[in-house]
C-alpha atoms as a PDB file:
ATOM      1  CA  GLN A   1       9.282  -5.159   7.713  1.00  0.00           C
ATOM      2  CA  ARG A   2       5.927  -5.307   6.091  1.00  0.00           C
ATOM      3  CA  THR A   3       3.458  -2.501   5.767  1.00  0.00           C
ATOM      4  CA  PHE A   4       0.072  -2.668   4.146  1.00  0.00           C
ATOM      5  CA  SER A   5      -2.712  -0.248   3.425  1.00  0.00           C
ATOM      6  CA  LEU A   6      -5.832  -0.096   5.552  1.00  0.00           C
ATOM      7  CA  GLY A   7      -8.264   2.673   4.704  1.00  0.00           C
ATOM      8  CA  GLY A   8      -5.648   4.267   2.463  1.00  0.00           C
ATOM      9  CA  LYS A   9      -3.047   4.470   5.247  1.00  0.00           C
ATOM     10  CA  LYS A  10       0.106   2.380   5.602  1.00  0.00           C
ATOM     11  CA  LYS A  11       0.304   0.255   8.738  1.00  0.00           C
ATOM     12  CA  HIS A  12       3.158  -1.602  10.465  1.00  0.00           C
ATOM     13  CA  ILE A  13       2.303  -5.029  11.818  1.00  0.00           C
ATOM     14  CA  VAL A  14       2.661  -5.832  15.513  1.00  0.00           C
ATOM     15  CA  ALA A  15       2.215  -9.507  16.451  1.00  0.00           C
ATOM     16  CA  VAL A  16       0.841 -10.200  19.937  1.00  0.00           C
ATOM     17  CA  ALA A  17       0.944 -13.717  21.406  1.00  0.00           C
ATOM     18  CA  ILE A  18      -2.341 -14.544  23.157  1.00  0.00           C
ATOM     19  CA  ASP A  19      -2.540 -17.446  25.621  1.00  0.00           C
ATOM     20  CA  GLY A  20      -5.275 -16.392  28.026  1.00  0.00           C
ATOM     21  CA  SER A  21      -2.932 -15.818  30.973  1.00  0.00           C
ATOM     22  CA  LEU A  22      -3.040 -12.711  33.145  1.00  0.00           C
ATOM     23  CA  ASN A  23       0.492 -11.753  32.034  1.00  0.00           C
ATOM     24  CA  CYS A  24      -0.583 -11.993  28.408  1.00  0.00           C
ATOM     25  CA  GLU A  25      -3.478  -9.633  29.045  1.00  0.00           C
ATOM     26  CA  LYS A  26      -1.245  -7.220  30.950  1.00  0.00           C
ATOM     27  CA  ALA A  27       1.315  -7.336  28.120  1.00  0.00           C
ATOM     28  CA  LEU A  28      -1.369  -6.343  25.613  1.00  0.00           C
ATOM     29  CA  ASP A  29      -2.674  -3.584  27.901  1.00  0.00           C
ATOM     30  CA  TRP A  30       0.856  -2.237  28.396  1.00  0.00           C
ATOM     31  CA  TYR A  31       1.495  -2.312  24.637  1.00  0.00           C
ATOM     32  CA  CYS A  32      -1.780  -0.439  23.997  1.00  0.00           C
ATOM     33  CA  ASP A  33      -1.118   2.148  26.719  1.00  0.00           C
ATOM     34  CA  VAL A  34       2.561   2.806  26.048  1.00  0.00           C
ATOM     35  CA  ILE A  35       3.570   1.827  22.505  1.00  0.00           C
ATOM     36  CA  HIS A  36       0.580   1.575  20.168  1.00  0.00           C
ATOM     37  CA  HIS A  37       0.221   4.171  17.448  1.00  0.00           C
ATOM     38  CA  GLN A  38      -2.348   4.609  14.692  1.00  0.00           C
ATOM     39  CA  GLU A  39       0.254   3.446  12.169  1.00  0.00           C
ATOM     40  CA  PHE A  40       0.261  -0.059  13.716  1.00  0.00           C
ATOM     41  CA  PHE A  41      -2.002  -3.022  12.919  1.00  0.00           C
ATOM     42  CA  VAL A  42      -2.203  -5.770  15.550  1.00  0.00           C
ATOM     43  CA  VAL A  43      -2.204  -9.458  14.663  1.00  0.00           C
ATOM     44  CA  LEU A  44      -3.302 -11.577  17.627  1.00  0.00           C
ATOM     45  CA  LEU A  45      -1.593 -14.999  17.529  1.00  0.00           C
ATOM     46  CA  HIS A  46      -3.061 -17.861  19.552  1.00  0.00           C
ATOM     47  CA  CYS A  47      -1.591 -21.349  19.975  1.00  0.00           C
ATOM     48  CA  PRO A  48      -4.225 -23.757  21.351  1.00  0.00           C
ATOM     49  CA  GLU A  49      -2.915 -25.819  24.256  1.00  0.00           C
ATOM     50  CA  LEU A  50      -4.907 -28.887  23.232  1.00  0.00           C
ATOM     51  CA  ALA A  51      -2.660 -29.246  20.198  1.00  0.00           C
ATOM     52  CA  ASP A  52       0.273 -29.567  22.597  1.00  0.00           C
ATOM     53  CA  VAL A  53      -1.503 -32.402  24.436  1.00  0.00           C
ATOM     54  CA  ALA A  54      -2.150 -34.221  21.170  1.00  0.00           C
ATOM     55  CA  LYS A  55       1.524 -34.063  20.172  1.00  0.00           C
ATOM     56  CA  SER A  56       2.956 -34.952  23.593  1.00  0.00           C
ATOM     57  CA  GLY A  57       2.810 -38.693  22.939  1.00  0.00           C
ATOM     58  CA  GLY A  58       2.025 -41.362  25.449  1.00  0.00           C
ATOM     59  CA  MET A  59      -1.609 -40.281  25.751  1.00  0.00           C
ATOM     60  CA  VAL A  60      -4.235 -42.118  23.760  1.00  0.00           C
ATOM     61  CA  PHE A  61      -7.832 -40.939  23.663  1.00  0.00           C
ATOM     62  CA  SER A  62     -10.876 -42.598  22.145  1.00  0.00           C
ATOM     63  CA  PRO A  63     -12.332 -40.671  19.182  1.00  0.00           C
ATOM     64  CA  ALA A  64     -15.352 -39.681  21.301  1.00  0.00           C
ATOM     65  CA  VAL A  65     -13.190 -38.308  24.129  1.00  0.00           C
ATOM     66  CA  TRP A  66     -10.941 -36.492  21.650  1.00  0.00           C
ATOM     67  CA  HIS A  67     -13.984 -34.989  19.892  1.00  0.00           C
ATOM     68  CA  ASP A  68     -15.393 -33.770  23.225  1.00  0.00           C
ATOM     69  CA  MET A  69     -12.042 -32.251  24.235  1.00  0.00           C
ATOM     70  CA  TRP A  70     -11.705 -30.522  20.867  1.00  0.00           C
ATOM     71  CA  GLN A  71     -15.245 -29.078  21.054  1.00  0.00           C
ATOM     72  CA  LYS A  72     -14.494 -27.632  24.504  1.00  0.00           C
ATOM     73  CA  GLU A  73     -11.186 -26.212  23.242  1.00  0.00           C
ATOM     74  CA  LYS A  74     -12.927 -24.585  20.258  1.00  0.00           C
ATOM     75  CA  GLY A  75     -15.341 -22.931  22.682  1.00  0.00           C
ATOM     76  CA  LYS A  76     -12.422 -21.594  24.753  1.00  0.00           C
ATOM     77  CA  ILE A  77     -10.714 -20.283  21.607  1.00  0.00           C
ATOM     78  CA  ALA A  78     -13.907 -18.542  20.437  1.00  0.00           C
ATOM     79  CA  ALA A  79     -14.382 -16.883  23.846  1.00  0.00           C
ATOM     80  CA  LEU A  80     -10.735 -15.762  23.948  1.00  0.00           C
ATOM     81  CA  LYS A  81     -10.963 -14.394  20.400  1.00  0.00           C
ATOM     82  CA  LEU A  82     -14.132 -12.467  21.203  1.00  0.00           C
ATOM     83  CA  ARG A  83     -12.647 -11.054  24.431  1.00  0.00           C
ATOM     84  CA  TYR A  84      -9.423  -9.803  22.840  1.00  0.00           C
ATOM     85  CA  GLU A  85     -11.032  -8.479  19.662  1.00  0.00           C
ATOM     86  CA  LYS A  86     -13.524  -6.525  21.792  1.00  0.00           C
ATOM     87  CA  LYS A  87     -10.723  -5.242  24.026  1.00  0.00           C
ATOM     88  CA  LEU A  88      -8.948  -3.784  20.984  1.00  0.00           C
ATOM     89  CA  GLN A  89     -12.166  -2.625  19.312  1.00  0.00           C
ATOM     90  CA  ASP A  90     -13.006  -0.660  22.489  1.00  0.00           C
ATOM     91  CA  ARG A  91      -9.627   1.066  22.121  1.00  0.00           C
ATOM     92  CA  GLN A  92     -10.264   1.629  18.384  1.00  0.00           C
ATOM     93  CA  ILE A  93      -7.294  -0.550  17.431  1.00  0.00           C
ATOM     94  CA  ASP A  94      -7.469  -2.522  14.183  1.00  0.00           C
ATOM     95  CA  CYS A  95      -6.648  -6.188  14.604  1.00  0.00           C
ATOM     96  CA  LYS A  96      -6.841  -9.676  13.149  1.00  0.00           C
ATOM     97  CA  TRP A  97      -7.011 -13.004  15.074  1.00  0.00           C
ATOM     98  CA  LEU A  98      -5.045 -16.047  13.966  1.00  0.00           C
ATOM     99  CA  THR A  99      -5.246 -19.473  15.594  1.00  0.00           C
ATOM    100  CA  LEU A 100      -1.975 -21.240  14.814  1.00  0.00           C
ATOM    101  CA  ASN A 101      -1.252 -24.906  14.211  1.00  0.00           C
ATOM    102  CA  THR A 102       1.603 -25.472  16.632  1.00  0.00           C
ATOM    103  CA  SER A 103       2.518 -29.118  16.003  1.00  0.00           C
ATOM    104  CA  GLY A 104       3.220 -29.113  19.734  1.00  0.00           C
ATOM    105  CA  LYS A 105       5.780 -26.304  19.439  1.00  0.00           C
ATOM    106  CA  PRO A 106       4.146 -22.926  20.144  1.00  0.00           C
ATOM    107  CA  GLY A 107       7.430 -20.985  20.084  1.00  0.00           C
ATOM    108  CA  GLU A 108       8.189 -22.176  16.553  1.00  0.00           C
ATOM    109  CA  ALA A 109       4.630 -21.390  15.421  1.00  0.00           C
ATOM    110  CA  LEU A 110       4.823 -17.850  16.834  1.00  0.00           C
ATOM    111  CA  VAL A 111       8.207 -17.153  15.221  1.00  0.00           C
ATOM    112  CA  LYS A 112       6.988 -18.529  11.868  1.00  0.00           C
ATOM    113  CA  ALA A 113       3.770 -16.478  11.896  1.00  0.00           C
ATOM    114  CA  SER A 114       5.624 -13.337  12.919  1.00  0.00           C
ATOM    115  CA  ALA A 115       8.082 -13.849  10.060  1.00  0.00           C
ATOM    116  CA  GLU A 116       5.333 -14.596   7.523  1.00  0.00           C
ATOM    117  CA  TYR A 117       3.555 -11.375   8.448  1.00  0.00           C
ATOM    118  CA  LYS A 118       6.877  -9.524   8.576  1.00  0.00           C
ATOM    119  CA  ALA A 119       5.952  -8.110  11.963  1.00  0.00           C
ATOM    120  CA  SER A 120       7.804  -5.002  13.075  1.00  0.00           C
ATOM    121  CA  LEU A 121       7.458  -6.154  16.694  1.00  0.00           C
ATOM    122  CA  MET A 122       6.367  -9.254  18.657  1.00  0.00           C
ATOM    123  CA  VAL A 123       4.712  -8.663  22.050  1.00  0.00           C
ATOM    124  CA  MET A 124       4.179 -11.422  24.606  1.00  0.00           C
ATOM    125  CA  GLY A 125       3.849 -12.022  28.320  1.00  0.00           C
ATOM    126  CA  THR A 126       5.665 -14.555  30.433  1.00  0.00           C
ATOM    127  CA  ARG A 127       3.748 -17.525  31.848  1.00  0.00           C
ATOM    128  CA  GLY A 128       5.387 -17.158  35.242  1.00  0.00           C
ATOM    129  CA  GLN A 129       7.186 -20.505  35.222  1.00  0.00           C
ATOM    130  CA  SER A 130       9.746 -21.320  37.867  1.00  0.00           C
ATOM    131  CA  THR A 131      13.404 -21.799  36.946  1.00  0.00           C
ATOM    132  CA  VAL A 132      12.972 -25.581  37.197  1.00  0.00           C
ATOM    133  CA  GLN A 133       9.896 -25.567  34.913  1.00  0.00           C
ATOM    134  CA  ARG A 134      11.684 -23.430  32.314  1.00  0.00           C
ATOM    135  CA  THR A 135      14.738 -25.705  32.454  1.00  0.00           C
ATOM    136  CA  ILE A 136      12.750 -28.908  32.014  1.00  0.00           C
ATOM    137  CA  MET A 137       9.936 -27.776  29.709  1.00  0.00           C
ATOM    138  CA  GLY A 138      11.514 -24.797  28.018  1.00  0.00           C
ATOM    139  CA  SER A 139      10.063 -21.328  27.748  1.00  0.00           C
ATOM    140  CA  VAL A 140       8.026 -20.132  24.780  1.00  0.00           C
ATOM    141  CA  SER A 141       9.131 -16.537  25.328  1.00  0.00           C
ATOM    142  CA  ASP A 142      12.783 -17.618  25.586  1.00  0.00           C
ATOM    143  CA  TYR A 143      12.472 -19.519  22.288  1.00  0.00           C
ATOM    144  CA  VAL A 144      10.819 -16.548  20.553  1.00  0.00           C
ATOM    145  CA  VAL A 145      13.424 -14.074  21.852  1.00  0.00           C
ATOM    146  CA  HIS A 146      16.273 -16.232  20.508  1.00  0.00           C
ATOM    147  CA  HIS A 147      14.732 -17.138  17.137  1.00  0.00           C
ATOM    148  CA  SER A 148      12.601 -14.185  16.027  1.00  0.00           C
ATOM    149  CA  LYS A 149      13.751 -12.043  13.129  1.00  0.00           C
ATOM    150  CA  SER A 150      11.977  -9.018  14.607  1.00  0.00           C
ATOM    151  CA  PRO A 151      12.318  -7.295  17.997  1.00  0.00           C
ATOM    152  CA  VAL A 152      10.477  -9.050  20.841  1.00  0.00           C
ATOM    153  CA  LEU A 153       8.934  -7.311  23.827  1.00  0.00           C
ATOM    154  CA  VAL A 154       8.431  -9.722  26.733  1.00  0.00           C
ATOM    155  CA  TYR A 155       6.225  -8.307  29.484  1.00  0.00           C
ATOM    156  CA  LYS A 156       6.859  -9.598  32.990  1.00  0.00           C
ATOM    157  CA  ASN A 157       4.403  -8.551  35.660  1.00  0.00           C
ATOM    158  CA  LEU A 158       6.278  -7.401  38.748  1.00  0.00           C
END
């Protein structure tokens, strides 16, 4: 597990997967309310969904359409980044935002980033998929739970 100094104090890294869903936001709120401590530094990890579309195959877009889609996605990412950084700033929690290159596999990207940062904990919400959706498409949280080298907290809104 990695620690680093921030303002002369050692901090443990907590990775939080951010996807813009309500469960993701509730997972972060729960982490902040119940677990967070001053000794922790939060790394917000975001996997853009447009990258998944690009890697899915079978879809071909003209360069102009692709450019327009990417510009809209960048705007969504910027708004999400601003929202979550402000949310943590309001709680006086130090954080860093990372937008990950997923190569169409967000679970792998999250596990890799968490390992590279030597996170002490990974926090994520569920997307609320049905059993059939998880069976066919797979579950990012399921992948992370089974492949992460650090503990994973998966928040499920009841």
